[in-house]
Amino acid sequence: MRVLLTNMPYAQSATPIGYRNTPRGDGFTVVWGPSPHLGLLYCAAVLREAGHELHYRDGAFTSMAELIQAISSLQIEVLGVSVVAPMVAKNQRQCARLKRIFPSLIILGGGPHPSLVPAQAAREMPAMDALCTGDGEILFPRMLQALAEGRPFAGMPGVVTLVDGEPVVGPPAPQVHDLDSLPLPARDLVDLHRFRPSIGHFKQLPNTTMVGSRGCPHRCTFCVAANDFRQRSPESVLAEIDHLVLDCGIRDILFYDEDLPRNREWMVRVCEGLIERDYDLVWSGNARVDRVDPELLRLMRKAGCWKLLMGLETGSPGTLRRMAKDFTLEQARASVEAATDAGIAVFGTFIFGAPGETYEEALVTIDYAISLRHVEFAKFLNFTPFPGTPFWDRLEKHGRLVDASLMQMNHISFVPHSMTLEQLQDLHRRATRAFYRRPSYVARRLSRIRSLEDIKYNLAGFRSFAMY
């Protein structure tokens, strides 16, 4: 079959240096930087191996007019769409438009949102013929096979569809237990040099992303990560790195794993493999503060790790407990200092507006963020009760949704009963000014400029925060 995979158009174009200041209705801004969609590219590789004709369009660089033209000129039979909660309403409008233009086009969706709340997702997006609720590498080929054989989607394992307006959710989806069995993402379908993450997430170019594991064993109350941790072998990860460096010219890798060093032995073996290869390569990823230690951090630095994103979240022990983070403020501070001592930069995230958090507790978080003087970048986010998370089914007990269409942590979409919307808006202004306008911070950033690219992304960052 002729298949086109996409994350649907969400931006008109990228600026020459890959950044765009995106104004938000609540006075909040982010610096935008697109990365390849690994989920879709994994599916593309599997479908191509199964004999399908594969095409790909990334929503970061594709307009609706261009997508429509591609579907027409390539005579696409099946459109595969990645769906995340913030894009649900927009994706429904886009797919409904495509159905009007191409009545025979089959539209299949997948991704985190339908996997977490399948029945709800089916009702929200009736323009899609069916939705996958698990690993697309298994489900998508089976759905195309059913389509080719004229079999209905309804009742298939891992598939949800509407029948007479009501969602029919199939039995639990099968999983890819052996991640090593998957082919590498079909990166040949994209121009890797066109992508780059946002400020603070890369050190040198070309950069790309990859994963060594899926899922997460923890259950933080705001997170949508699947609670089913699976990990590739160190040999498989190193083989992909070999391909990226030797065949694609990549010099910087951002790991999207929820907790890269969760398995210490695994991390050690990957690091030892990288040290042995001695590539001109740096890399970064996410790490829980209770999964690292000074010895491991020194080894990671020797292997090329230059930055770790740590979910520091709050300076309030009470809020930390309510988020179910399962670590202490002392552990967080010690891990930031250990990473800095090892030569690894720390990117910290902090969250305002968790259920039960007061304005005064949130002010403590601002002071806490500033006290962690080694944190290189701080991102101040909003507690967002995504569908499928522990708070979603009891929202009214803890607060109210301001606007469900703004369901992402860069927006204020949820206000706890313990705060007001105005207080949340004030917290973001206070936090950003207090952290980034410190003379000592500005001086430190300027002292670390080493290249034209450093100048570009520092200027982009300063412009983004100028409104505060």
Protein backbone atom coordinates (compact mmCIF):
# COMPACT_ATOMS: atom_id res chain seq x y z
CA MET A 1 0.00 0.00 0.00
CA ARG A 2 1.02 3.62 -0.49
CA VAL A 3 1.38 5.04 3.01
CA LEU A 4 2.28 8.52 4.23
CA LEU A 5 3.21 9.06 7.89
CA THR A 6 3.04 12.49 9.51
CA ASN A 7 2.73 14.36 12.80
CA MET A 8 0.48 16.82 10.94
CA PRO A 9 1.42 20.43 10.16
CA TYR A 10 1.96 22.48 13.30
CA ALA A 11 4.36 25.20 12.11
CA GLN A 12 4.79 27.11 8.88
CA SER A 13 8.57 26.91 8.64
CA ALA A 14 11.77 27.08 10.63
CA THR A 15 13.94 30.15 10.88
CA PRO A 16 17.42 29.86 9.32
CA ILE A 17 19.02 28.97 12.63
CA GLY A 18 16.23 26.60 13.61
CA TYR A 19 14.59 28.71 16.30
CA ARG A 20 11.37 30.60 16.60
CA ASN A 21 9.95 32.57 19.48
CA THR A 22 6.41 31.30 19.88
CA PRO A 23 4.14 33.79 21.70
CA ARG A 24 1.60 32.27 24.04
CA GLY A 25 -1.77 33.71 24.88
CA ASP A 26 -0.96 33.75 28.58
CA GLY A 27 2.20 35.81 28.08
CA PHE A 28 4.45 32.76 28.24
CA THR A 29 7.00 31.99 25.52
CA VAL A 30 9.07 29.04 24.43
CA VAL A 31 11.95 28.78 22.01
CA TRP A 32 10.94 26.24 19.41
CA GLY A 33 13.28 23.62 17.97
CA PRO A 34 12.04 20.55 16.06
CA SER A 35 13.52 17.05 16.28
CA PRO A 36 12.83 13.99 14.09
CA HIS A 37 9.73 12.04 15.14
CA LEU A 38 11.30 8.73 16.19
CA GLY A 39 7.98 6.92 16.69
CA LEU A 40 6.88 7.55 13.12
CA LEU A 41 10.32 6.75 11.70
CA TYR A 42 10.38 3.42 13.57
CA CYS A 43 6.96 2.60 12.09
CA ALA A 44 8.14 3.65 8.65
CA ALA A 45 11.09 1.25 8.84
CA VAL A 46 8.85 -1.67 9.86
CA LEU A 47 6.23 -0.94 7.21
CA ARG A 48 8.86 -0.62 4.51
CA GLU A 49 10.29 -4.01 5.49
CA ALA A 50 6.75 -5.39 5.11
CA GLY A 51 6.71 -4.21 1.49
CA HIS A 52 4.67 -1.02 1.70
CA GLU A 53 5.55 2.15 -0.22
CA LEU A 54 6.49 4.65 2.47
CA HIS A 55 6.44 8.46 2.42
CA TYR A 56 6.91 10.90 5.28
CA ARG A 57 6.13 14.56 5.93
CA ASP A 58 7.16 16.29 9.14
CA GLY A 59 4.65 18.75 10.54
CA ALA A 60 7.42 21.16 11.53
CA PHE A 61 8.23 21.90 7.90
CA THR A 62 5.02 21.02 6.03
CA SER A 63 1.94 23.18 5.49
CA MET A 64 -1.55 21.75 5.00
CA ALA A 65 -1.41 22.80 1.35
CA GLU A 66 1.82 20.84 0.90
CA LEU A 67 0.40 17.81 2.69
CA ILE A 68 -2.71 17.86 0.50
CA GLN A 69 -0.54 18.12 -2.61
CA ALA A 70 1.60 15.18 -1.47
CA ILE A 71 -1.41 12.97 -0.78
CA SER A 72 -2.77 13.77 -4.24
CA SER A 73 0.44 13.47 -6.29
CA LEU A 74 1.66 10.32 -4.51
CA GLN A 75 -1.81 8.74 -4.64
CA ILE A 76 -1.64 7.96 -0.93
CA GLU A 77 -4.05 5.26 0.26
CA VAL A 78 -3.36 5.36 4.01
CA LEU A 79 -2.37 8.33 6.16
CA GLY A 80 -0.77 7.51 9.52
CA VAL A 81 -0.97 10.31 12.09
CA SER A 82 0.79 10.69 15.44
CA VAL A 83 -1.57 12.12 18.07
CA VAL A 84 -0.63 13.89 21.31
CA ALA A 85 -3.09 15.52 23.73
CA PRO A 86 -2.32 19.19 22.90
CA MET A 87 -2.98 18.59 19.20
CA VAL A 88 -6.21 16.58 19.40
CA ALA A 89 -8.66 19.31 18.39
CA LYS A 90 -6.39 20.63 15.63
CA ASN A 91 -5.70 17.12 14.29
CA GLN A 92 -9.44 16.40 14.15
CA ARG A 93 -10.05 19.55 12.09
CA GLN A 94 -7.14 18.74 9.79
CA CYS A 95 -8.22 15.13 9.26
CA ALA A 96 -11.85 16.13 8.69
CA ARG A 97 -10.66 18.49 5.97
CA LEU A 98 -8.59 15.74 4.36
CA LYS A 99 -11.59 13.39 4.43
CA ARG A 100 -13.67 15.97 2.58
CA ILE A 101 -10.99 16.32 -0.10
CA PHE A 102 -10.06 12.61 -0.27
CA PRO A 103 -13.17 10.57 0.72
CA SER A 104 -11.44 7.23 0.12
CA LEU A 105 -8.34 8.09 2.18
CA ILE A 106 -7.94 5.83 5.23
CA ILE A 107 -6.64 7.76 8.26
CA LEU A 108 -5.10 5.82 11.12
CA GLY A 109 -3.90 7.44 14.34
CA GLY A 110 -1.53 6.40 17.10
CA GLY A 111 0.62 7.80 19.86
CA PRO A 112 0.42 8.63 23.56
CA HIS A 113 -3.07 10.10 23.65
CA PRO A 114 -5.06 7.21 22.14
CA SER A 115 -2.88 4.76 24.10
CA LEU A 116 -3.80 6.43 27.41
CA VAL A 117 -7.50 7.17 26.79
CA PRO A 118 -8.62 5.11 23.77
CA ALA A 119 -12.39 5.56 24.05
CA GLN A 120 -12.09 9.29 24.70
CA ALA A 121 -9.66 9.70 21.79
CA ALA A 122 -12.01 7.90 19.39
CA ARG A 123 -14.86 10.22 20.34
CA GLU A 124 -12.63 13.29 20.00
CA MET A 125 -11.36 12.33 16.54
CA PRO A 126 -14.20 10.77 14.50
CA ALA A 127 -12.43 11.75 11.27
CA MET A 128 -9.87 8.99 11.91
CA ASP A 129 -10.89 5.52 10.78
CA ALA A 130 -9.12 3.79 13.66
CA LEU A 131 -6.56 4.40 16.40
CA CYS A 132 -3.62 2.31 17.63
CA THR A 133 -3.31 2.03 21.41
CA GLY A 134 0.17 0.53 21.75
CA ASP A 135 3.38 -0.10 19.85
CA GLY A 136 2.75 0.97 16.28
CA GLU A 137 5.49 -1.29 14.96
CA ILE A 138 3.24 -4.27 15.74
CA LEU A 139 -0.21 -2.77 15.26
CA PHE A 140 0.20 -0.71 12.09
CA PRO A 141 1.27 -3.64 9.85
CA ARG A 142 -1.61 -5.72 11.23
CA MET A 143 -4.07 -2.93 10.51
CA LEU A 144 -2.83 -2.58 6.94
CA GLN A 145 -3.11 -6.33 6.49
CA ALA A 146 -6.70 -6.23 7.75
CA LEU A 147 -7.41 -3.37 5.37
CA ALA A 148 -5.97 -5.29 2.43
CA GLU A 149 -8.07 -8.34 3.31
CA GLY A 150 -11.25 -6.33 3.81
CA ARG A 151 -11.51 -7.20 7.52
CA PRO A 152 -13.00 -4.64 9.96
CA PHE A 153 -10.77 -2.90 12.50
CA ALA A 154 -13.35 -3.22 15.27
CA GLY A 155 -12.30 -5.70 17.93
CA MET A 156 -8.68 -6.03 16.81
CA PRO A 157 -6.19 -6.18 19.72
CA GLY A 158 -4.82 -2.73 20.47
CA VAL A 159 -7.25 -0.97 18.11
CA VAL A 160 -10.13 1.37 18.90
CA THR A 161 -12.69 2.55 16.35
CA LEU A 162 -16.16 4.03 16.27
CA VAL A 163 -19.09 1.76 15.45
CA ASP A 164 -22.42 3.59 15.13
CA GLY A 165 -20.85 6.52 16.96
CA GLU A 166 -19.67 4.46 19.93
CA PRO A 167 -16.04 3.50 20.59
CA VAL A 168 -15.15 -0.17 20.36
CA VAL A 169 -11.89 -0.85 22.19
CA GLY A 170 -10.13 -4.09 21.29
CA PRO A 171 -8.29 -6.35 23.75
CA PRO A 172 -4.96 -5.15 25.18
CA ALA A 173 -2.32 -4.30 22.62
CA PRO A 174 0.69 -6.56 22.11
CA GLN A 175 4.08 -5.08 22.93
CA VAL A 176 7.51 -5.15 21.37
CA HIS A 177 9.34 -6.91 24.20
CA ASP A 178 12.63 -7.30 22.32
CA LEU A 179 13.50 -3.77 21.22
CA ASP A 180 16.66 -5.09 19.54
CA SER A 181 14.41 -6.84 17.01
CA LEU A 182 13.25 -3.52 15.54
CA PRO A 183 14.99 -2.01 12.52
CA LEU A 184 16.63 1.39 12.98
CA PRO A 185 14.34 4.38 12.40
CA ALA A 186 14.00 5.25 8.71
CA ARG A 187 16.05 8.43 9.00
CA ASP A 188 16.69 8.43 5.26
CA LEU A 189 13.15 9.79 4.89
CA VAL A 190 14.17 13.09 6.54
CA ASP A 191 16.94 15.64 6.20
CA LEU A 192 18.68 15.29 9.55
CA HIS A 193 20.57 18.54 9.01
CA ARG A 194 17.27 20.45 8.98
CA PHE A 195 16.43 19.49 12.56
CA ARG A 196 17.84 20.62 15.85
CA PRO A 197 16.46 20.68 19.39
CA SER A 198 15.68 23.91 21.21
CA ILE A 199 18.12 26.00 23.21
CA GLY A 200 20.18 24.10 25.74
CA HIS A 201 19.56 20.68 24.20
CA PHE A 202 22.52 20.49 21.82
CA LYS A 203 26.17 21.44 21.92
CA GLN A 204 27.37 20.86 18.38
CA LEU A 205 25.86 20.10 14.98
CA PRO A 206 24.69 17.98 13.25
CA ASN A 207 22.52 16.71 16.10
CA THR A 208 19.85 14.03 16.20
CA THR A 209 17.83 12.00 18.69
CA MET A 210 17.58 8.33 19.64
CA VAL A 211 16.29 6.08 22.42
CA GLY A 212 17.85 3.21 24.35
CA SER A 213 14.67 2.27 26.21
CA ARG A 214 10.91 2.73 26.34
CA GLY A 215 8.61 3.42 29.25
CA CYS A 216 9.34 4.22 32.86
CA PRO A 217 8.79 2.22 36.07
CA HIS A 218 7.91 5.33 38.08
CA ARG A 219 4.46 6.92 38.37
CA CYS A 220 4.96 10.66 38.79
CA THR A 221 1.49 12.17 38.97
CA PHE A 222 1.91 14.49 35.97
CA CYS A 223 3.64 12.10 33.56
CA VAL A 224 2.15 10.20 30.62
CA ALA A 225 5.08 7.81 30.19
CA ALA A 226 4.01 4.16 29.92
CA ASN A 227 4.66 2.19 33.10
CA ASP A 228 6.37 -0.68 31.23
CA PHE A 229 10.12 -0.19 31.16
CA ARG A 230 11.91 -2.00 28.31
CA GLN A 231 15.55 -1.55 27.30
CA ARG A 232 17.69 -2.27 24.27
CA SER A 233 20.98 -4.06 24.69
CA PRO A 234 24.15 -1.93 24.93
CA GLU A 235 25.34 -3.59 21.70
CA SER A 236 22.20 -2.48 19.84
CA VAL A 237 22.55 1.11 21.10
CA LEU A 238 26.23 1.27 20.18
CA ALA A 239 25.49 -0.13 16.70
CA GLU A 240 22.97 2.67 16.11
CA ILE A 241 25.50 5.24 17.32
CA ASP A 242 28.04 3.77 14.88
CA HIS A 243 25.52 4.28 12.07
CA LEU A 244 24.70 7.84 13.12
CA VAL A 245 28.34 8.89 13.39
CA LEU A 246 29.89 6.99 10.48
CA ASP A 247 27.02 7.04 7.96
CA CYS A 248 25.11 10.20 8.89
CA GLY A 249 27.91 12.46 10.16
CA ILE A 250 26.16 13.08 13.51
CA ARG A 251 28.27 14.79 16.19
CA ASP A 252 25.68 15.26 18.95
CA ILE A 253 22.97 12.86 20.18
CA LEU A 254 20.04 13.69 22.44
CA PHE A 255 18.65 10.56 24.13
CA TYR A 256 14.89 10.71 24.66
CA ASP A 257 14.83 7.96 27.32
CA GLU A 258 12.75 8.85 30.37
CA ASP A 259 15.69 7.95 32.64
CA LEU A 260 18.85 7.17 30.68
CA PRO A 261 21.03 5.83 33.55
CA ARG A 262 18.25 3.85 35.23
CA ASN A 263 20.16 0.58 34.70
CA ARG A 264 23.64 1.37 36.01
CA GLU A 265 25.34 -1.67 34.47
CA TRP A 266 23.77 -0.87 31.08
CA MET A 267 24.94 2.75 31.29
CA VAL A 268 28.47 1.65 32.19
CA ARG A 269 28.64 -0.71 29.20
CA VAL A 270 27.40 1.96 26.79
CA CYS A 271 29.92 4.45 28.17
CA GLU A 272 32.78 1.98 27.92
CA GLY A 273 31.83 1.29 24.30
CA LEU A 274 31.85 4.99 23.48
CA ILE A 275 35.19 5.56 25.20
CA GLU A 276 36.67 2.71 23.17
CA ARG A 277 35.35 4.21 19.91
CA ASP A 278 36.67 7.71 20.71
CA TYR A 279 34.31 9.46 18.28
CA ASP A 280 34.04 13.22 17.88
CA LEU A 281 30.68 12.93 19.60
CA VAL A 282 28.85 14.47 22.53
CA TRP A 283 25.53 13.35 23.94
CA SER A 284 22.91 14.22 26.54
CA GLY A 285 19.74 12.83 28.09
CA ASN A 286 17.36 12.69 31.03
CA ALA A 287 18.32 11.38 34.47
CA ARG A 288 16.49 11.00 37.77
CA VAL A 289 18.45 12.51 40.60
CA ASP A 290 18.39 9.23 42.53
CA ARG A 291 19.85 7.17 39.68
CA VAL A 292 23.26 8.82 39.39
CA ASP A 293 26.36 8.87 41.57
CA PRO A 294 29.73 10.66 41.31
CA GLU A 295 31.58 7.65 39.86
CA LEU A 296 28.96 7.01 37.17
CA LEU A 297 28.76 10.70 36.30
CA ARG A 298 32.54 10.89 35.80
CA LEU A 299 32.39 7.87 33.47
CA MET A 300 29.48 9.41 31.52
CA ARG A 301 31.44 12.64 31.11
CA LYS A 302 34.49 10.73 29.87
CA ALA A 303 32.23 8.99 27.33
CA GLY A 304 30.99 12.32 25.94
CA CYS A 305 27.97 13.23 28.08
CA TRP A 306 27.83 17.02 28.30
CA LYS A 307 24.36 17.62 29.76
CA LEU A 308 21.65 15.91 31.80
CA LEU A 309 18.08 17.09 32.20
CA MET A 310 16.93 16.49 35.77
CA GLY A 311 13.34 16.82 36.95
CA LEU A 312 13.98 18.90 40.08
CA GLU A 313 10.32 20.04 40.05
CA THR A 314 9.90 21.86 43.37
CA GLY A 315 11.57 23.22 46.48
CA SER A 316 8.66 22.10 48.67
CA PRO A 317 8.92 18.66 50.32
CA GLY A 318 5.13 18.51 50.50
CA THR A 319 4.68 19.18 46.79
CA LEU A 320 7.43 16.68 46.00
CA ARG A 321 5.45 14.01 47.87
CA ARG A 322 2.20 14.94 46.13
CA MET A 323 3.98 14.56 42.76
CA ALA A 324 5.13 11.06 43.86
CA LYS A 325 8.71 11.84 42.85
CA ASP A 326 10.18 9.46 45.47
CA PHE A 327 13.38 11.43 46.11
CA THR A 328 14.39 14.20 48.49
CA LEU A 329 15.52 17.77 48.02
CA GLU A 330 18.88 16.77 49.49
CA GLN A 331 19.32 14.05 46.86
CA ALA A 332 18.48 16.53 44.12
CA ARG A 333 20.99 19.10 45.35
CA ALA A 334 23.71 16.46 45.76
CA SER A 335 23.15 15.11 42.22
CA VAL A 336 23.29 18.60 40.66
CA GLU A 337 26.57 19.27 42.44
CA ALA A 338 28.01 15.85 41.53
CA ALA A 339 27.13 16.32 37.85
CA THR A 340 28.71 19.78 37.84
CA ASP A 341 31.84 18.45 39.54
CA ALA A 342 32.07 15.79 36.80
CA GLY A 343 31.83 18.48 34.10
CA ILE A 344 28.23 17.76 33.06
CA ALA A 345 25.82 20.67 32.67
CA VAL A 346 22.43 20.36 34.40
CA PHE A 347 19.16 21.44 32.80
CA GLY A 348 16.53 21.54 35.56
CA THR A 349 12.75 21.48 35.23
CA PHE A 350 10.45 23.01 37.85
CA ILE A 351 6.66 22.76 37.99
CA PHE A 352 4.09 25.23 39.36
CA GLY A 353 0.46 24.54 40.18
CA ALA A 354 0.44 20.94 41.41
CA PRO A 355 -2.77 19.96 43.25
CA GLY A 356 -2.59 21.27 46.80
CA GLU A 357 0.39 23.56 46.16
CA THR A 358 0.05 27.07 47.57
CA TYR A 359 1.45 30.29 46.15
CA GLU A 360 3.84 30.48 49.11
CA GLU A 361 5.15 26.97 48.42
CA ALA A 362 5.73 27.89 44.79
CA LEU A 363 7.72 30.96 45.85
CA VAL A 364 9.98 28.57 47.78
CA THR A 365 10.57 26.72 44.50
CA ILE A 366 11.86 29.92 42.89
CA ASP A 367 14.29 30.45 45.75
CA TYR A 368 15.31 26.78 45.53
CA ALA A 369 15.98 27.02 41.78
CA ILE A 370 18.21 30.05 42.31
CA SER A 371 20.03 28.34 45.19
CA LEU A 372 21.03 25.51 42.84
CA ARG A 373 23.67 27.79 41.38
CA HIS A 374 25.12 25.07 39.14
CA VAL A 375 21.89 24.59 37.15
CA GLU A 376 22.73 25.80 33.65
CA PHE A 377 19.16 26.18 32.37
CA ALA A 378 15.88 26.17 34.27
CA LYS A 379 12.54 25.49 32.63
CA PHE A 380 9.49 26.55 34.62
CA LEU A 381 6.47 24.48 33.64
CA ASN A 382 2.83 24.09 34.63
CA PHE A 383 1.28 21.07 36.27
CA THR A 384 -0.89 19.57 33.53
CA PRO A 385 -3.27 16.68 34.32
CA PHE A 386 -3.01 14.93 30.96
CA PRO A 387 -5.71 12.40 30.12
CA GLY A 388 -4.64 9.06 31.54
CA THR A 389 -2.62 10.49 34.43
CA PRO A 390 -3.68 9.87 38.07
CA PHE A 391 -5.40 13.27 38.45
CA TRP A 392 -7.37 13.25 35.19
CA ASP A 393 -10.38 11.34 36.53
CA ARG A 394 -10.67 13.52 39.65
CA LEU A 395 -9.94 16.95 38.30
CA GLU A 396 -12.76 18.75 40.05
CA LYS A 397 -11.52 17.57 43.43
CA HIS A 398 -8.15 19.27 42.91
CA GLY A 399 -8.76 22.23 40.60
CA ARG A 400 -10.19 23.34 37.28
CA LEU A 401 -9.21 23.30 33.63
CA VAL A 402 -8.69 26.77 32.21
CA ASP A 403 -8.62 25.65 28.59
CA ALA A 404 -8.38 22.00 27.51
CA SER A 405 -7.01 23.11 24.13
CA LEU A 406 -3.88 24.36 25.92
CA MET A 407 -3.12 20.92 27.34
CA GLN A 408 0.66 21.12 27.50
CA MET A 409 3.11 22.08 30.21
CA ASN A 410 4.24 25.27 28.44
CA HIS A 411 0.71 26.64 28.95
CA ILE A 412 -1.41 27.22 32.00
CA SER A 413 -4.28 24.83 31.40
CA PHE A 414 -4.97 23.77 35.01
CA VAL A 415 -5.40 25.86 38.17
CA PRO A 416 -5.44 24.06 41.55
CA HIS A 417 -8.00 25.13 44.15
CA SER A 418 -5.08 26.26 46.31
CA MET A 419 -4.08 29.00 43.81
CA THR A 420 -5.50 31.48 41.33
CA LEU A 421 -4.76 31.88 37.63
CA GLU A 422 -3.25 35.29 38.33
CA GLN A 423 -0.90 33.79 40.90
CA LEU A 424 0.30 31.15 38.43
CA GLN A 425 0.96 33.80 35.79
CA ASP A 426 2.83 35.87 38.35
CA LEU A 427 4.96 32.87 39.35
CA HIS A 428 6.20 32.38 35.80
CA ARG A 429 7.18 36.02 35.47
CA ARG A 430 8.89 36.05 38.85
CA ALA A 431 10.74 32.78 38.27
CA THR A 432 12.03 33.67 34.81
CA ARG A 433 13.18 37.13 35.87
CA ALA A 434 14.76 35.89 39.09
CA PHE A 435 16.65 33.05 37.44
CA TYR A 436 17.73 34.47 34.07
CA ARG A 437 18.20 38.16 34.86
CA ARG A 438 20.78 37.59 37.58
CA PRO A 439 23.98 39.44 36.62
CA SER A 440 25.98 36.40 37.72
CA TYR A 441 23.97 34.13 35.41
CA VAL A 442 24.28 36.46 32.41
CA ALA A 443 28.03 36.79 33.01
CA ARG A 444 28.40 33.04 33.22
CA ARG A 445 26.52 32.48 29.96
CA LEU A 446 28.60 35.09 28.14
CA SER A 447 31.85 33.63 29.47
CA ARG A 448 31.00 30.24 27.94
CA ILE A 449 30.44 31.42 24.38
CA ARG A 450 32.86 29.55 22.15
CA SER A 451 31.32 29.63 18.66
CA LEU A 452 28.99 31.43 16.28
CA GLU A 453 26.31 28.83 17.12
CA ASP A 454 26.71 29.70 20.82
CA ILE A 455 26.11 33.36 19.97
CA LYS A 456 23.01 32.51 17.93
CA TYR A 457 21.26 30.42 20.53
CA ASN A 458 22.16 32.74 23.38
CA LEU A 459 20.68 35.66 21.44
CA ALA A 460 17.57 33.63 20.70
CA GLY A 461 17.24 32.80 24.38
CA PHE A 462 17.70 36.36 25.55
CA ARG A 463 15.10 37.56 23.02
CA SER A 464 12.65 34.92 24.25
CA PHE A 465 12.93 36.07 27.85
CA ALA A 466 13.06 39.82 27.11
CA MET A 467 9.29 40.16 27.60
CA TYR A 468 9.66 39.30 31.28
